[in-house]
Amino acid sequence: MLNREDVQKRVIKVASQVLKIAPSGIKPESNFVFDLGAESVDSIALVSAFEKEFNIEMDEESALQVQSIDSAVDYIMNHLEKSQ
């Protein structure tokens, strides 16, 4: 199973690719909208990219709650632990 640090690195990589931001400009506490400038279409792309990267499914309610790198990592870690 992936550890938190591995998941965080992959979440930052995905966010960097989707939002076209250098990974060095993304911190664990970065909010996708307020800090990284994501718009609604970017949020949909992020959810889709996280689903593909980690082979998970995020329902609409969960997707709305994932607003930062840390919250994405928390959600993914919980989902991966439950699927074990």
N, C-alpha and C. Protein backbone atom coordinates (compact mmCIF):
# COMPACT_ATOMS: atom_id res chain seq x y z
N MET A 1 0.84 -1.20 0.00
CA MET A 1 0.00 0.00 0.00
C MET A 1 0.88 1.25 0.00
N LEU A 2 0.39 2.27 -0.60
CA LEU A 2 1.10 3.54 -0.65
C LEU A 2 1.09 4.23 0.71
N ASN A 3 2.19 4.89 1.03
CA ASN A 3 2.18 5.69 2.26
C ASN A 3 1.75 7.12 1.92
N ARG A 4 1.52 7.90 2.95
CA ARG A 4 1.01 9.26 2.77
C ARG A 4 1.94 10.12 1.91
N GLU A 5 3.24 9.99 2.12
CA GLU A 5 4.20 10.79 1.35
C GLU A 5 4.13 10.46 -0.14
N ASP A 6 4.01 9.17 -0.46
CA ASP A 6 3.90 8.77 -1.87
C ASP A 6 2.62 9.32 -2.50
N VAL A 7 1.52 9.22 -1.76
CA VAL A 7 0.24 9.73 -2.27
C VAL A 7 0.34 11.24 -2.48
N GLN A 8 0.93 11.94 -1.51
CA GLN A 8 1.06 13.39 -1.63
C GLN A 8 1.89 13.78 -2.85
N LYS A 9 2.99 13.09 -3.09
CA LYS A 9 3.82 13.38 -4.26
C LYS A 9 3.03 13.19 -5.55
N ARG A 10 2.26 12.13 -5.60
CA ARG A 10 1.47 11.86 -6.80
C ARG A 10 0.33 12.85 -6.97
N VAL A 11 -0.30 13.27 -5.88
CA VAL A 11 -1.35 14.29 -5.95
C VAL A 11 -0.76 15.60 -6.46
N ILE A 12 0.40 15.98 -5.95
CA ILE A 12 1.06 17.21 -6.41
C ILE A 12 1.43 17.09 -7.88
N LYS A 13 1.91 15.93 -8.30
CA LYS A 13 2.26 15.72 -9.71
C LYS A 13 1.04 15.89 -10.60
N VAL A 14 -0.07 15.27 -10.21
CA VAL A 14 -1.31 15.36 -10.98
C VAL A 14 -1.81 16.80 -11.03
N ALA A 15 -1.83 17.47 -9.88
CA ALA A 15 -2.28 18.87 -9.83
C ALA A 15 -1.40 19.75 -10.70
N SER A 16 -0.10 19.49 -10.67
CA SER A 16 0.85 20.25 -11.49
C SER A 16 0.53 20.09 -12.97
N GLN A 17 0.26 18.86 -13.39
CA GLN A 17 -0.04 18.60 -14.80
C GLN A 17 -1.37 19.21 -15.22
N VAL A 18 -2.40 19.03 -14.41
CA VAL A 18 -3.73 19.52 -14.76
C VAL A 18 -3.78 21.05 -14.77
N LEU A 19 -3.17 21.66 -13.75
CA LEU A 19 -3.24 23.12 -13.61
C LEU A 19 -2.08 23.85 -14.28
N LYS A 20 -1.15 23.07 -14.84
CA LYS A 20 0.01 23.65 -15.54
C LYS A 20 0.79 24.60 -14.63
N ILE A 21 1.12 24.08 -13.44
CA ILE A 21 1.88 24.82 -12.43
C ILE A 21 3.08 23.96 -12.06
N ALA A 22 4.23 24.59 -11.86
CA ALA A 22 5.41 23.84 -11.43
C ALA A 22 5.14 23.18 -10.08
N PRO A 23 5.54 21.91 -9.91
CA PRO A 23 5.33 21.24 -8.62
C PRO A 23 5.92 22.02 -7.44
N SER A 24 6.99 22.75 -7.68
CA SER A 24 7.61 23.53 -6.60
C SER A 24 6.70 24.64 -6.10
N GLY A 25 5.70 25.02 -6.90
CA GLY A 25 4.76 26.07 -6.50
C GLY A 25 3.54 25.53 -5.77
N ILE A 26 3.53 24.23 -5.50
CA ILE A 26 2.38 23.59 -4.86
C ILE A 26 2.80 23.07 -3.49
N LYS A 27 2.08 23.49 -2.47
CA LYS A 27 2.36 23.05 -1.10
C LYS A 27 1.21 22.15 -0.61
N PRO A 28 1.46 21.33 0.42
CA PRO A 28 0.40 20.45 0.92
C PRO A 28 -0.87 21.20 1.31
N GLU A 29 -0.71 22.41 1.84
CA GLU A 29 -1.89 23.17 2.27
C GLU A 29 -2.52 23.99 1.15
N SER A 30 -1.97 23.93 -0.06
CA SER A 30 -2.49 24.72 -1.18
C SER A 30 -3.94 24.35 -1.50
N ASN A 31 -4.78 25.38 -1.55
CA ASN A 31 -6.18 25.23 -1.93
C ASN A 31 -6.24 25.30 -3.46
N PHE A 32 -6.95 24.36 -4.08
CA PHE A 32 -6.99 24.31 -5.53
C PHE A 32 -7.51 25.60 -6.16
N VAL A 33 -8.54 26.19 -5.58
CA VAL A 33 -9.15 27.39 -6.14
C VAL A 33 -8.41 28.65 -5.71
N PHE A 34 -8.28 28.85 -4.41
CA PHE A 34 -7.75 30.11 -3.89
C PHE A 34 -6.24 30.26 -4.08
N ASP A 35 -5.49 29.17 -3.92
CA ASP A 35 -4.03 29.26 -4.03
C ASP A 35 -3.51 28.90 -5.42
N LEU A 36 -4.19 27.97 -6.09
CA LEU A 36 -3.68 27.46 -7.36
C LEU A 36 -4.48 27.93 -8.57
N GLY A 37 -5.54 28.69 -8.33
CA GLY A 37 -6.29 29.31 -9.42
C GLY A 37 -7.17 28.37 -10.23
N ALA A 38 -7.53 27.23 -9.68
CA ALA A 38 -8.38 26.28 -10.40
C ALA A 38 -9.78 26.86 -10.59
N GLU A 39 -10.33 26.66 -11.77
CA GLU A 39 -11.71 27.03 -12.05
C GLU A 39 -12.55 25.76 -12.04
N SER A 40 -13.85 25.89 -12.20
CA SER A 40 -14.72 24.71 -12.08
C SER A 40 -14.34 23.61 -13.07
N VAL A 41 -13.99 23.98 -14.28
CA VAL A 41 -13.60 22.97 -15.27
C VAL A 41 -12.30 22.28 -14.83
N ASP A 42 -11.40 23.03 -14.18
CA ASP A 42 -10.16 22.43 -13.66
C ASP A 42 -10.47 21.45 -12.54
N SER A 43 -11.45 21.78 -11.72
CA SER A 43 -11.82 20.89 -10.61
C SER A 43 -12.31 19.55 -11.13
N ILE A 44 -13.09 19.59 -12.19
CA ILE A 44 -13.58 18.35 -12.81
C ILE A 44 -12.40 17.56 -13.37
N ALA A 45 -11.48 18.25 -14.02
CA ALA A 45 -10.30 17.58 -14.58
C ALA A 45 -9.43 16.99 -13.48
N LEU A 46 -9.31 17.69 -12.35
CA LEU A 46 -8.53 17.18 -11.22
C LEU A 46 -9.14 15.89 -10.68
N VAL A 47 -10.44 15.90 -10.46
CA VAL A 47 -11.12 14.71 -9.95
C VAL A 47 -10.90 13.53 -10.90
N SER A 48 -11.08 13.77 -12.18
CA SER A 48 -10.88 12.71 -13.17
C SER A 48 -9.44 12.20 -13.15
N ALA A 49 -8.50 13.11 -13.04
CA ALA A 49 -7.08 12.72 -13.02
C ALA A 49 -6.74 11.93 -11.75
N PHE A 50 -7.30 12.34 -10.60
CA PHE A 50 -7.07 11.59 -9.36
C PHE A 50 -7.67 10.18 -9.47
N GLU A 51 -8.86 10.09 -10.06
CA GLU A 51 -9.50 8.79 -10.23
C GLU A 51 -8.62 7.86 -11.07
N LYS A 52 -8.07 8.38 -12.15
CA LYS A 52 -7.21 7.57 -13.02
C LYS A 52 -5.90 7.22 -12.33
N GLU A 53 -5.27 8.20 -11.71
CA GLU A 53 -3.96 8.00 -11.07
C GLU A 53 -4.01 6.94 -9.98
N PHE A 54 -5.10 6.95 -9.19
CA PHE A 54 -5.18 6.05 -8.04
C PHE A 54 -6.19 4.92 -8.21
N ASN A 55 -6.81 4.84 -9.40
CA ASN A 55 -7.79 3.79 -9.69
C ASN A 55 -8.90 3.78 -8.63
N ILE A 56 -9.48 4.96 -8.42
CA ILE A 56 -10.57 5.12 -7.45
C ILE A 56 -11.74 5.82 -8.13
N GLU A 57 -12.85 5.88 -7.43
CA GLU A 57 -14.00 6.67 -7.89
C GLU A 57 -14.36 7.66 -6.80
N MET A 58 -14.59 8.90 -7.20
CA MET A 58 -14.99 9.94 -6.25
C MET A 58 -16.41 10.36 -6.60
N ASP A 59 -17.32 10.24 -5.63
CA ASP A 59 -18.67 10.72 -5.89
C ASP A 59 -18.68 12.25 -5.82
N GLU A 60 -19.78 12.84 -6.23
CA GLU A 60 -19.87 14.30 -6.32
C GLU A 60 -19.64 14.98 -4.97
N GLU A 61 -20.22 14.42 -3.92
CA GLU A 61 -20.07 15.01 -2.59
C GLU A 61 -18.60 15.00 -2.15
N SER A 62 -17.92 13.90 -2.37
CA SER A 62 -16.50 13.80 -2.02
C SER A 62 -15.68 14.78 -2.84
N ALA A 63 -15.98 14.86 -4.12
CA ALA A 63 -15.24 15.77 -4.99
C ALA A 63 -15.37 17.22 -4.51
N LEU A 64 -16.54 17.59 -4.01
CA LEU A 64 -16.74 18.95 -3.52
C LEU A 64 -15.97 19.21 -2.23
N GLN A 65 -15.74 18.16 -1.44
CA GLN A 65 -15.03 18.32 -0.17
C GLN A 65 -13.52 18.39 -0.37
N VAL A 66 -13.03 17.86 -1.47
CA VAL A 66 -11.59 17.86 -1.75
C VAL A 66 -11.22 19.21 -2.34
N GLN A 67 -10.73 20.10 -1.48
CA GLN A 67 -10.45 21.46 -1.91
C GLN A 67 -8.98 21.84 -1.84
N SER A 68 -8.15 20.94 -1.31
CA SER A 68 -6.72 21.24 -1.18
C SER A 68 -5.92 19.98 -1.42
N ILE A 69 -4.61 20.15 -1.54
CA ILE A 69 -3.73 18.99 -1.68
C ILE A 69 -3.93 18.05 -0.49
N ASP A 70 -3.88 18.60 0.72
CA ASP A 70 -4.04 17.78 1.93
C ASP A 70 -5.37 17.03 1.95
N SER A 71 -6.46 17.71 1.60
CA SER A 71 -7.76 17.03 1.64
C SER A 71 -7.85 15.95 0.56
N ALA A 72 -7.20 16.17 -0.57
CA ALA A 72 -7.16 15.13 -1.61
C ALA A 72 -6.38 13.92 -1.10
N VAL A 73 -5.25 14.17 -0.46
CA VAL A 73 -4.44 13.08 0.09
C VAL A 73 -5.24 12.31 1.15
N ASP A 74 -5.92 13.04 2.04
CA ASP A 74 -6.74 12.40 3.08
C ASP A 74 -7.80 11.49 2.45
N TYR A 75 -8.51 12.02 1.47
CA TYR A 75 -9.57 11.25 0.82
C TYR A 75 -8.99 9.99 0.17
N ILE A 76 -7.92 10.16 -0.58
CA ILE A 76 -7.32 9.03 -1.30
C ILE A 76 -6.79 7.98 -0.32
N MET A 77 -6.11 8.43 0.73
CA MET A 77 -5.60 7.48 1.74
C MET A 77 -6.75 6.69 2.37
N ASN A 78 -7.83 7.36 2.74
CA ASN A 78 -8.99 6.68 3.33
C ASN A 78 -9.59 5.68 2.35
N HIS A 79 -9.70 6.10 1.09
CA HIS A 79 -10.27 5.23 0.08
C HIS A 79 -9.39 3.99 -0.14
N LEU A 80 -8.08 4.19 -0.20
CA LEU A 80 -7.16 3.06 -0.40
C LEU A 80 -7.18 2.11 0.79
N GLU A 81 -7.26 2.66 2.00
CA GLU A 81 -7.31 1.82 3.20
C GLU A 81 -8.58 0.98 3.24
N LYS A 82 -9.70 1.56 2.83
CA LYS A 82 -10.97 0.83 2.83
C LYS A 82 -10.98 -0.28 1.79
N SER A 83 -10.25 -0.10 0.70
CA SER A 83 -10.27 -1.09 -0.37
C SER A 83 -9.31 -2.25 -0.12
N GLN A 84 -8.59 -2.20 0.98
CA GLN A 84 -7.64 -3.28 1.31
C GLN A 84 -8.35 -4.50 1.81
